[in-house]
Amino acid sequence: RHLERAHRNEEYVKKFVALPKGNIERKKIIETIRRNGNFLYNTEQKYNNDDLIVCRRPQINRKCTAQNFISRAKCKGFFTKNNIRHHFQQCAKKNVGRHVQVLGRAIQGRIHPLASDTLRKIIFLVLREDAVTRAICYDELLIIYANKMCIKYQHQHQQDMIRSCLRLLDRFLNALKNLNENVTHFASIYKPSIYDDCVRAINVIARYDSTKQMYEAPSVASRLGTLIKQIGKLLITECIKRNDVERQQTTENYLKLLVEDFGITVNKTVEETVSH
């Protein structure tokens, strides 16, 4: 009734108004309009009020969140990840494939606005959607760094390398958050006062054995040092662009500490672990 009164000049509204009530085609058109509207509400920040309109509300005792739902690429309906395959079989009238959730993530676009098309449509689509991936998606500095990597490494076989770097960086960030409550995002680690906690977080991720004084994963420790240095230089570049002199100076001081100390504190142990 609302559609007939308020949106009677819309093309799809004219189509279903011309059909008699109870007609199957009329019901399909109305359902399509409703799902497109719900999809717009669910994915556009200017319309959304921090809730999610789904096709079927879950039982209260299941305590589902927005993370448990994904959109069907064609009909735009939001279904639980466990049931999306069943809906696909009914909606598409064919056997479901493993690409259903990938297509759903593609149209939802849950990622930082600065992310490039390559990052949106290729790198992040096949990443397992877990707490690690969700944290990467909205970290501005990591997204800018990932954009640079997508430009530098354009071959298909290098895409997995980009994904593994991003996941490693977020594992490091989560470990650091557990050690220092002042760390909220990746740019916040570039303070000289946090450097020692960064080394401790690297030791956690690379599984440092204080008894043997060796790493179980030495390559992870050295790789993190390289990545932190690269991203620090990128942050300095961004500070110059934004004329943020204070943060630029703080980041430069952090990198001086990294260059001076990391080779002795971490890389020396890495070398001894590898040669052992």
C-alpha atoms as a PDB file:
ATOM      1  CA  ARG A   1       0.000   0.000   0.000  1.00  0.00           C
ATOM      2  CA  HIS A   2       2.835   2.427   0.868  1.00  0.00           C
ATOM      3  CA  LEU A   3       4.551   1.660  -2.434  1.00  0.00           C
ATOM      4  CA  GLU A   4       1.344   2.287  -4.397  1.00  0.00           C
ATOM      5  CA  ARG A   5       0.748   5.650  -2.703  1.00  0.00           C
ATOM      6  CA  ALA A   6       4.214   7.132  -2.178  1.00  0.00           C
ATOM      7  CA  HIS A   7       6.160   5.573  -5.060  1.00  0.00           C
ATOM      8  CA  ARG A   8       3.523   5.053  -7.729  1.00  0.00           C
ATOM      9  CA  ASN A   9       5.703   6.652 -10.446  1.00  0.00           C
ATOM     10  CA  GLU A  10       8.563   4.158  -9.984  1.00  0.00           C
ATOM     11  CA  GLU A  11       9.020   1.651 -12.820  1.00  0.00           C
ATOM     12  CA  TYR A  12       8.818  -1.512 -10.695  1.00  0.00           C
ATOM     13  CA  VAL A  13       5.803  -0.190  -8.767  1.00  0.00           C
ATOM     14  CA  LYS A  14       3.942   0.398 -12.027  1.00  0.00           C
ATOM     15  CA  LYS A  15       4.688  -3.207 -13.010  1.00  0.00           C
ATOM     16  CA  PHE A  16       3.161  -4.832  -9.946  1.00  0.00           C
ATOM     17  CA  VAL A  17       0.233  -2.379  -9.743  1.00  0.00           C
ATOM     18  CA  ALA A  18      -0.794  -3.497 -13.226  1.00  0.00           C
ATOM     19  CA  LEU A  19      -1.067  -7.091 -12.003  1.00  0.00           C
ATOM     20  CA  PRO A  20      -4.014  -8.436  -9.966  1.00  0.00           C
ATOM     21  CA  LYS A  21      -3.611  -9.032  -6.222  1.00  0.00           C
ATOM     22  CA  GLY A  22      -2.598 -12.584  -5.423  1.00  0.00           C
ATOM     23  CA  ASN A  23      -0.662 -12.897  -8.675  1.00  0.00           C
ATOM     24  CA  ILE A  24       2.656 -14.772  -8.222  1.00  0.00           C
ATOM     25  CA  GLU A  25       4.585 -12.346 -10.430  1.00  0.00           C
ATOM     26  CA  ARG A  26       3.204  -9.405  -8.420  1.00  0.00           C
ATOM     27  CA  LYS A  27       4.446 -10.993  -5.177  1.00  0.00           C
ATOM     28  CA  LYS A  28       7.903 -11.562  -6.689  1.00  0.00           C
ATOM     29  CA  ILE A  29       8.216  -7.913  -7.775  1.00  0.00           C
ATOM     30  CA  ILE A  30       7.168  -6.641  -4.323  1.00  0.00           C
ATOM     31  CA  GLU A  31       9.626  -9.014  -2.649  1.00  0.00           C
ATOM     32  CA  THR A  32      12.418  -7.775  -4.956  1.00  0.00           C
ATOM     33  CA  ILE A  33      11.651  -4.136  -4.096  1.00  0.00           C
ATOM     34  CA  ARG A  34      11.577  -4.943  -0.381  1.00  0.00           C
ATOM     35  CA  ARG A  35      14.899  -6.803  -0.447  1.00  0.00           C
ATOM     36  CA  ASN A  36      16.614  -4.084  -2.483  1.00  0.00           C
ATOM     37  CA  GLY A  37      15.420  -1.517   0.049  1.00  0.00           C
ATOM     38  CA  ASN A  38      16.579  -3.639   2.977  1.00  0.00           C
ATOM     39  CA  PHE A  39      19.961  -4.142   1.298  1.00  0.00           C
ATOM     40  CA  LEU A  40      20.369  -0.386   0.830  1.00  0.00           C
ATOM     41  CA  TYR A  41      19.483   0.166   4.482  1.00  0.00           C
ATOM     42  CA  ASN A  42      21.885  -2.536   5.673  1.00  0.00           C
ATOM     43  CA  THR A  43      24.879  -1.385   3.633  1.00  0.00           C
ATOM     44  CA  GLU A  44      24.599   2.428   3.481  1.00  0.00           C
ATOM     45  CA  GLN A  45      25.792   4.267   6.580  1.00  0.00           C
ATOM     46  CA  LYS A  46      23.586   7.308   5.934  1.00  0.00           C
ATOM     47  CA  TYR A  47      20.424   5.172   6.242  1.00  0.00           C
ATOM     48  CA  ASN A  48      21.426   2.622   8.869  1.00  0.00           C
ATOM     49  CA  ASN A  49      20.749   2.927  12.611  1.00  0.00           C
ATOM     50  CA  ASP A  50      23.106   0.167  13.784  1.00  0.00           C
ATOM     51  CA  ASP A  51      20.707  -2.682  13.114  1.00  0.00           C
ATOM     52  CA  LEU A  52      20.284  -5.269  10.362  1.00  0.00           C
ATOM     53  CA  ILE A  53      17.123  -6.227   8.491  1.00  0.00           C
ATOM     54  CA  VAL A  54      17.230  -9.925   7.648  1.00  0.00           C
ATOM     55  CA  CYS A  55      14.904 -12.252   5.767  1.00  0.00           C
ATOM     56  CA  ARG A  56      14.265 -14.422   8.806  1.00  0.00           C
ATOM     57  CA  ARG A  57      15.007 -13.396  12.367  1.00  0.00           C
ATOM     58  CA  PRO A  58      16.903 -16.007  14.377  1.00  0.00           C
ATOM     59  CA  GLN A  59      15.693 -17.407  17.687  1.00  0.00           C
ATOM     60  CA  ILE A  60      16.572 -15.270  20.704  1.00  0.00           C
ATOM     61  CA  ASN A  61      18.566 -18.028  22.402  1.00  0.00           C
ATOM     62  CA  ARG A  62      20.974 -18.234  19.450  1.00  0.00           C
ATOM     63  CA  LYS A  63      22.254 -14.691  20.067  1.00  0.00           C
ATOM     64  CA  CYS A  64      23.215 -14.033  16.442  1.00  0.00           C
ATOM     65  CA  THR A  65      24.981 -10.814  15.441  1.00  0.00           C
ATOM     66  CA  ALA A  66      25.463  -9.102  12.074  1.00  0.00           C
ATOM     67  CA  GLN A  67      28.621 -11.181  11.617  1.00  0.00           C
ATOM     68  CA  ASN A  68      26.465 -14.312  11.336  1.00  0.00           C
ATOM     69  CA  PHE A  69      24.609 -12.996   8.278  1.00  0.00           C
ATOM     70  CA  ILE A  70      25.597 -12.604   4.656  1.00  0.00           C
ATOM     71  CA  SER A  71      23.805 -11.303   1.589  1.00  0.00           C
ATOM     72  CA  ARG A  72      22.787 -13.360  -1.434  1.00  0.00           C
ATOM     73  CA  ALA A  73      24.394 -11.594  -4.390  1.00  0.00           C
ATOM     74  CA  LYS A  74      21.416 -11.791  -6.745  1.00  0.00           C
ATOM     75  CA  CYS A  75      18.284 -11.327  -4.621  1.00  0.00           C
ATOM     76  CA  LYS A  76      20.026  -9.091  -2.007  1.00  0.00           C
ATOM     77  CA  GLY A  77      18.390 -10.901   0.914  1.00  0.00           C
ATOM     78  CA  PHE A  78      20.337 -11.360   4.169  1.00  0.00           C
ATOM     79  CA  PHE A  79      20.518 -14.924   5.471  1.00  0.00           C
ATOM     80  CA  THR A  80      22.579 -16.712   8.105  1.00  0.00           C
ATOM     81  CA  LYS A  81      25.810 -18.172   6.785  1.00  0.00           C
ATOM     82  CA  ASN A  82      24.596 -21.640   7.712  1.00  0.00           C
ATOM     83  CA  ASN A  83      21.398 -21.292   5.660  1.00  0.00           C
ATOM     84  CA  ILE A  84      22.625 -19.304   2.650  1.00  0.00           C
ATOM     85  CA  ARG A  85      23.370 -22.524   0.746  1.00  0.00           C
ATOM     86  CA  HIS A  86      19.836 -23.832   1.257  1.00  0.00           C
ATOM     87  CA  HIS A  87      18.366 -20.542   0.054  1.00  0.00           C
ATOM     88  CA  PHE A  88      20.676 -20.535  -2.979  1.00  0.00           C
ATOM     89  CA  GLN A  89      19.375 -23.935  -4.082  1.00  0.00           C
ATOM     90  CA  GLN A  90      15.780 -22.691  -3.900  1.00  0.00           C
ATOM     91  CA  CYS A  91      16.459 -19.235  -5.360  1.00  0.00           C
ATOM     92  CA  ALA A  92      18.815 -20.172  -8.206  1.00  0.00           C
ATOM     93  CA  LYS A  93      17.288 -23.617  -8.875  1.00  0.00           C
ATOM     94  CA  LYS A  94      20.703 -25.247  -9.119  1.00  0.00           C
ATOM     95  CA  ASN A  95      23.320 -26.890  -6.968  1.00  0.00           C
ATOM     96  CA  VAL A  96      25.148 -24.548  -4.644  1.00  0.00           C
ATOM     97  CA  GLY A  97      28.838 -23.804  -5.144  1.00  0.00           C
ATOM     98  CA  ARG A  98      31.554 -22.635  -2.775  1.00  0.00           C
ATOM     99  CA  HIS A  99      31.412 -19.159  -4.286  1.00  0.00           C
ATOM    100  CA  VAL A 100      28.101 -18.149  -2.656  1.00  0.00           C
ATOM    101  CA  GLN A 101      29.647 -16.429   0.366  1.00  0.00           C
ATOM    102  CA  VAL A 102      32.393 -14.894  -1.779  1.00  0.00           C
ATOM    103  CA  LEU A 103      29.771 -13.197  -3.967  1.00  0.00           C
ATOM    104  CA  GLY A 104      27.895 -12.093  -0.864  1.00  0.00           C
ATOM    105  CA  ARG A 105      30.979 -10.418   0.579  1.00  0.00           C
ATOM    106  CA  ALA A 106      31.584  -8.748  -2.793  1.00  0.00           C
ATOM    107  CA  ILE A 107      28.286  -6.867  -2.838  1.00  0.00           C
ATOM    108  CA  GLN A 108      28.253  -6.041   0.885  1.00  0.00           C
ATOM    109  CA  GLY A 109      31.572  -4.188   0.661  1.00  0.00           C
ATOM    110  CA  ARG A 110      32.462  -4.349   4.356  1.00  0.00           C
ATOM    111  CA  ILE A 111      35.809  -2.614   4.054  1.00  0.00           C
ATOM    112  CA  HIS A 112      37.389   0.819   4.571  1.00  0.00           C
ATOM    113  CA  PRO A 113      36.383   3.428   1.932  1.00  0.00           C
ATOM    114  CA  LEU A 114      40.053   3.954   0.974  1.00  0.00           C
ATOM    115  CA  ALA A 115      40.430   0.343  -0.193  1.00  0.00           C
ATOM    116  CA  SER A 116      41.252  -0.015  -3.898  1.00  0.00           C
ATOM    117  CA  ASP A 117      39.173  -2.104  -6.307  1.00  0.00           C
ATOM    118  CA  THR A 118      41.861  -4.809  -6.348  1.00  0.00           C
ATOM    119  CA  LEU A 119      41.757  -5.012  -2.571  1.00  0.00           C
ATOM    120  CA  ARG A 120      37.950  -5.120  -2.496  1.00  0.00           C
ATOM    121  CA  LYS A 121      37.279  -7.475  -5.375  1.00  0.00           C
ATOM    122  CA  ILE A 122      40.278  -9.830  -5.269  1.00  0.00           C
ATOM    123  CA  ILE A 123      42.371  -9.797  -2.088  1.00  0.00           C
ATOM    124  CA  PHE A 124      39.709  -9.640   0.619  1.00  0.00           C
ATOM    125  CA  LEU A 125      36.993 -11.656  -1.103  1.00  0.00           C
ATOM    126  CA  VAL A 126      38.601 -15.042  -0.504  1.00  0.00           C
ATOM    127  CA  LEU A 127      39.894 -14.275   2.996  1.00  0.00           C
ATOM    128  CA  ARG A 128      38.153 -16.225   5.728  1.00  0.00           C
ATOM    129  CA  GLU A 129      35.778 -13.788   7.430  1.00  0.00           C
ATOM    130  CA  ASP A 130      36.895 -13.923  11.054  1.00  0.00           C
ATOM    131  CA  ALA A 131      37.929 -11.457  13.763  1.00  0.00           C
ATOM    132  CA  VAL A 132      41.361 -11.000  12.148  1.00  0.00           C
ATOM    133  CA  THR A 133      39.978 -10.133   8.715  1.00  0.00           C
ATOM    134  CA  ARG A 134      37.343  -7.771  10.130  1.00  0.00           C
ATOM    135  CA  ALA A 135      39.997  -5.838  12.048  1.00  0.00           C
ATOM    136  CA  ILE A 136      42.155  -5.427   8.925  1.00  0.00           C
ATOM    137  CA  CYS A 137      39.215  -4.202   6.853  1.00  0.00           C
ATOM    138  CA  TYR A 138      38.771  -1.004   8.845  1.00  0.00           C
ATOM    139  CA  ASP A 139      42.365  -0.171   9.804  1.00  0.00           C
ATOM    140  CA  GLU A 140      43.189   2.857   7.646  1.00  0.00           C
ATOM    141  CA  LEU A 141      46.983   2.523   7.705  1.00  0.00           C
ATOM    142  CA  LEU A 142      46.901  -1.199   6.874  1.00  0.00           C
ATOM    143  CA  ILE A 143      44.465  -0.527   4.024  1.00  0.00           C
ATOM    144  CA  ILE A 144      46.750   2.171   2.574  1.00  0.00           C
ATOM    145  CA  TYR A 145      49.701  -0.218   2.859  1.00  0.00           C
ATOM    146  CA  ALA A 146      47.701  -3.012   1.213  1.00  0.00           C
ATOM    147  CA  ASN A 147      46.784  -0.666  -1.656  1.00  0.00           C
ATOM    148  CA  LYS A 148      50.507  -0.046  -2.234  1.00  0.00           C
ATOM    149  CA  MET A 149      51.206  -3.780  -2.186  1.00  0.00           C
ATOM    150  CA  CYS A 150      48.479  -4.411  -4.767  1.00  0.00           C
ATOM    151  CA  ILE A 151      50.184  -1.918  -7.093  1.00  0.00           C
ATOM    152  CA  LYS A 152      53.656  -3.342  -6.478  1.00  0.00           C
ATOM    153  CA  TYR A 153      52.700  -7.039  -6.665  1.00  0.00           C
ATOM    154  CA  GLN A 154      50.239  -7.416  -9.526  1.00  0.00           C
ATOM    155  CA  HIS A 155      50.751 -11.067 -10.484  1.00  0.00           C
ATOM    156  CA  GLN A 156      48.083 -13.525  -9.417  1.00  0.00           C
ATOM    157  CA  HIS A 157      50.502 -15.809  -7.576  1.00  0.00           C
ATOM    158  CA  GLN A 158      51.508 -12.861  -5.346  1.00  0.00           C
ATOM    159  CA  GLN A 159      47.982 -12.300  -4.032  1.00  0.00           C
ATOM    160  CA  ASP A 160      48.322 -14.972  -1.339  1.00  0.00           C
ATOM    161  CA  MET A 161      51.516 -13.276  -0.174  1.00  0.00           C
ATOM    162  CA  ILE A 162      49.615  -9.996   0.304  1.00  0.00           C
ATOM    163  CA  ARG A 163      46.888 -11.794   2.257  1.00  0.00           C
ATOM    164  CA  SER A 164      49.383 -13.576   4.510  1.00  0.00           C
ATOM    165  CA  CYS A 165      51.187 -10.283   5.248  1.00  0.00           C
ATOM    166  CA  LEU A 166      47.949  -8.591   6.270  1.00  0.00           C
ATOM    167  CA  ARG A 167      46.876 -11.449   8.521  1.00  0.00           C
ATOM    168  CA  LEU A 168      50.320 -11.577  10.139  1.00  0.00           C
ATOM    169  CA  LEU A 169      50.224  -7.836  10.815  1.00  0.00           C
ATOM    170  CA  ASP A 170      46.836  -8.118  12.452  1.00  0.00           C
ATOM    171  CA  ARG A 171      47.930 -11.057  14.607  1.00  0.00           C
ATOM    172  CA  PHE A 172      50.820  -8.886  15.772  1.00  0.00           C
ATOM    173  CA  LEU A 173      48.465  -5.970  16.452  1.00  0.00           C
ATOM    174  CA  ASN A 174      46.122  -8.144  18.523  1.00  0.00           C
ATOM    175  CA  ALA A 175      49.054  -9.494  20.551  1.00  0.00           C
ATOM    176  CA  LEU A 176      50.233  -5.928  21.158  1.00  0.00           C
ATOM    177  CA  LYS A 177      46.745  -4.828  22.245  1.00  0.00           C
ATOM    178  CA  ASN A 178      46.836  -7.527  24.915  1.00  0.00           C
ATOM    179  CA  LEU A 179      50.120  -6.092  26.205  1.00  0.00           C
ATOM    180  CA  ASN A 180      49.311  -2.388  25.955  1.00  0.00           C
ATOM    181  CA  GLU A 181      45.802  -0.956  26.287  1.00  0.00           C
ATOM    182  CA  ASN A 182      46.851   2.302  24.595  1.00  0.00           C
ATOM    183  CA  VAL A 183      47.193   0.511  21.244  1.00  0.00           C
ATOM    184  CA  THR A 184      43.942   0.803  19.284  1.00  0.00           C
ATOM    185  CA  HIS A 185      44.972   0.649  15.619  1.00  0.00           C
ATOM    186  CA  PHE A 186      48.166   0.072  13.670  1.00  0.00           C
ATOM    187  CA  ALA A 187      49.204   3.730  13.447  1.00  0.00           C
ATOM    188  CA  SER A 188      49.102   3.941  17.243  1.00  0.00           C
ATOM    189  CA  ILE A 189      52.061   1.541  17.650  1.00  0.00           C
ATOM    190  CA  TYR A 190      54.529   4.123  16.280  1.00  0.00           C
ATOM    191  CA  LYS A 191      55.428   5.716  19.600  1.00  0.00           C
ATOM    192  CA  PRO A 192      58.859   5.245  21.213  1.00  0.00           C
ATOM    193  CA  SER A 193      57.212   4.402  24.548  1.00  0.00           C
ATOM    194  CA  ILE A 194      55.471   1.404  22.933  1.00  0.00           C
ATOM    195  CA  TYR A 195      58.573  -0.010  21.197  1.00  0.00           C
ATOM    196  CA  ASP A 196      59.458  -2.490  23.981  1.00  0.00           C
ATOM    197  CA  ASP A 197      55.915  -3.861  23.956  1.00  0.00           C
ATOM    198  CA  CYS A 198      56.208  -4.279  20.173  1.00  0.00           C
ATOM    199  CA  VAL A 199      59.256  -6.508  20.674  1.00  0.00           C
ATOM    200  CA  ARG A 200      57.358  -8.526  23.288  1.00  0.00           C
ATOM    201  CA  ALA A 201      54.428  -8.930  20.884  1.00  0.00           C
ATOM    202  CA  ILE A 202      56.805 -10.160  18.161  1.00  0.00           C
ATOM    203  CA  ASN A 203      58.205 -12.695  20.636  1.00  0.00           C
ATOM    204  CA  VAL A 204      54.665 -13.912  21.319  1.00  0.00           C
ATOM    205  CA  ILE A 205      53.795 -14.314  17.632  1.00  0.00           C
ATOM    206  CA  ALA A 206      57.148 -15.932  16.728  1.00  0.00           C
ATOM    207  CA  ARG A 207      56.919 -18.160  19.848  1.00  0.00           C
ATOM    208  CA  TYR A 208      60.149 -17.180  21.580  1.00  0.00           C
ATOM    209  CA  ASP A 209      61.538 -19.773  24.009  1.00  0.00           C
ATOM    210  CA  SER A 210      63.343 -17.875  26.774  1.00  0.00           C
ATOM    211  CA  THR A 211      64.968 -21.070  28.068  1.00  0.00           C
ATOM    212  CA  LYS A 212      66.565 -22.021  24.762  1.00  0.00           C
ATOM    213  CA  GLN A 213      66.728 -18.369  23.640  1.00  0.00           C
ATOM    214  CA  MET A 214      65.379 -19.321  20.232  1.00  0.00           C
ATOM    215  CA  TYR A 215      62.282 -18.727  18.109  1.00  0.00           C
ATOM    216  CA  GLU A 216      60.006 -21.531  16.970  1.00  0.00           C
ATOM    217  CA  ALA A 217      59.094 -19.370  13.953  1.00  0.00           C
ATOM    218  CA  PRO A 218      62.195 -17.222  13.274  1.00  0.00           C
ATOM    219  CA  SER A 219      61.061 -16.111   9.817  1.00  0.00           C
ATOM    220  CA  VAL A 220      57.930 -14.571  11.360  1.00  0.00           C
ATOM    221  CA  ALA A 221      60.028 -12.415  13.709  1.00  0.00           C
ATOM    222  CA  SER A 222      62.294 -11.030  10.977  1.00  0.00           C
ATOM    223  CA  ARG A 223      59.361 -10.576   8.602  1.00  0.00           C
ATOM    224  CA  LEU A 224      57.446  -8.525  11.158  1.00  0.00           C
ATOM    225  CA  GLY A 225      60.455  -6.258  11.643  1.00  0.00           C
ATOM    226  CA  THR A 226      60.591  -5.589   7.903  1.00  0.00           C
ATOM    227  CA  LEU A 227      56.844  -4.953   7.655  1.00  0.00           C
ATOM    228  CA  ILE A 228      56.757  -2.610  10.659  1.00  0.00           C
ATOM    229  CA  LYS A 229      59.613  -0.597   9.157  1.00  0.00           C
ATOM    230  CA  GLN A 230      57.928  -0.373   5.735  1.00  0.00           C
ATOM    231  CA  ILE A 231      54.593   0.698   7.208  1.00  0.00           C
ATOM    232  CA  GLY A 232      56.357   3.240   9.442  1.00  0.00           C
ATOM    233  CA  LYS A 233      57.888   4.892   6.383  1.00  0.00           C
ATOM    234  CA  LEU A 234      54.456   4.918   4.757  1.00  0.00           C
ATOM    235  CA  LEU A 235      52.985   6.577   7.854  1.00  0.00           C
ATOM    236  CA  ILE A 236      55.647   9.306   7.652  1.00  0.00           C
ATOM    237  CA  THR A 237      54.638   9.902   4.025  1.00  0.00           C
ATOM    238  CA  GLU A 238      50.978  10.216   5.051  1.00  0.00           C
ATOM    239  CA  CYS A 239      51.942  12.638   7.851  1.00  0.00           C
ATOM    240  CA  ILE A 240      53.818  14.819   5.355  1.00  0.00           C
ATOM    241  CA  LYS A 241      50.749  14.871   3.090  1.00  0.00           C
ATOM    242  CA  ARG A 242      48.528  15.915   5.998  1.00  0.00           C
ATOM    243  CA  ASN A 243      51.084  18.293   7.512  1.00  0.00           C
ATOM    244  CA  ASP A 244      50.984  16.347  10.787  1.00  0.00           C
ATOM    245  CA  VAL A 245      54.443  17.348  12.060  1.00  0.00           C
ATOM    246  CA  GLU A 246      54.016  15.961  15.575  1.00  0.00           C
ATOM    247  CA  ARG A 247      53.078  12.440  14.483  1.00  0.00           C
ATOM    248  CA  GLN A 248      55.770  12.527  11.788  1.00  0.00           C
ATOM    249  CA  GLN A 249      58.446  13.291  14.397  1.00  0.00           C
ATOM    250  CA  THR A 250      57.138  10.612  16.758  1.00  0.00           C
ATOM    251  CA  THR A 251      57.150   7.995  13.985  1.00  0.00           C
ATOM    252  CA  GLU A 252      60.663   8.958  12.899  1.00  0.00           C
ATOM    253  CA  ASN A 253      61.891   8.553  16.480  1.00  0.00           C
ATOM    254  CA  TYR A 254      60.238   5.147  16.666  1.00  0.00           C
ATOM    255  CA  LEU A 255      61.975   4.014  13.475  1.00  0.00           C
ATOM    256  CA  LYS A 256      65.317   5.213  14.851  1.00  0.00           C
ATOM    257  CA  LEU A 257      64.766   2.905  17.817  1.00  0.00           C
ATOM    258  CA  LEU A 258      63.809   0.085  15.472  1.00  0.00           C
ATOM    259  CA  VAL A 259      66.934   0.470  13.325  1.00  0.00           C
ATOM    260  CA  GLU A 260      69.210   0.745  16.349  1.00  0.00           C
ATOM    261  CA  ASP A 261      67.765  -2.023  18.512  1.00  0.00           C
ATOM    262  CA  PHE A 262      65.933  -4.577  16.352  1.00  0.00           C
ATOM    263  CA  GLY A 263      69.070  -6.097  14.838  1.00  0.00           C
ATOM    264  CA  ILE A 264      70.417  -6.978  18.287  1.00  0.00           C
ATOM    265  CA  THR A 265      67.192  -7.767  20.137  1.00  0.00           C
ATOM    266  CA  VAL A 266      65.437  -9.833  17.464  1.00  0.00           C
ATOM    267  CA  ASN A 267      67.470 -10.438  14.294  1.00  0.00           C
ATOM    268  CA  LYS A 268      70.509 -11.779  16.163  1.00  0.00           C
ATOM    269  CA  THR A 269      68.306 -14.396  17.839  1.00  0.00           C
ATOM    270  CA  VAL A 270      66.744 -15.201  14.467  1.00  0.00           C
ATOM    271  CA  GLU A 271      70.196 -15.839  12.946  1.00  0.00           C
ATOM    272  CA  GLU A 272      71.231 -18.079  15.834  1.00  0.00           C
ATOM    273  CA  THR A 273      67.954 -20.007  15.632  1.00  0.00           C
ATOM    274  CA  VAL A 274      68.346 -20.628  11.904  1.00  0.00           C
ATOM    275  CA  SER A 275      72.007 -21.659  12.194  1.00  0.00           C
ATOM    276  CA  HIS A 276      71.394 -23.927  15.181  1.00  0.00           C
END
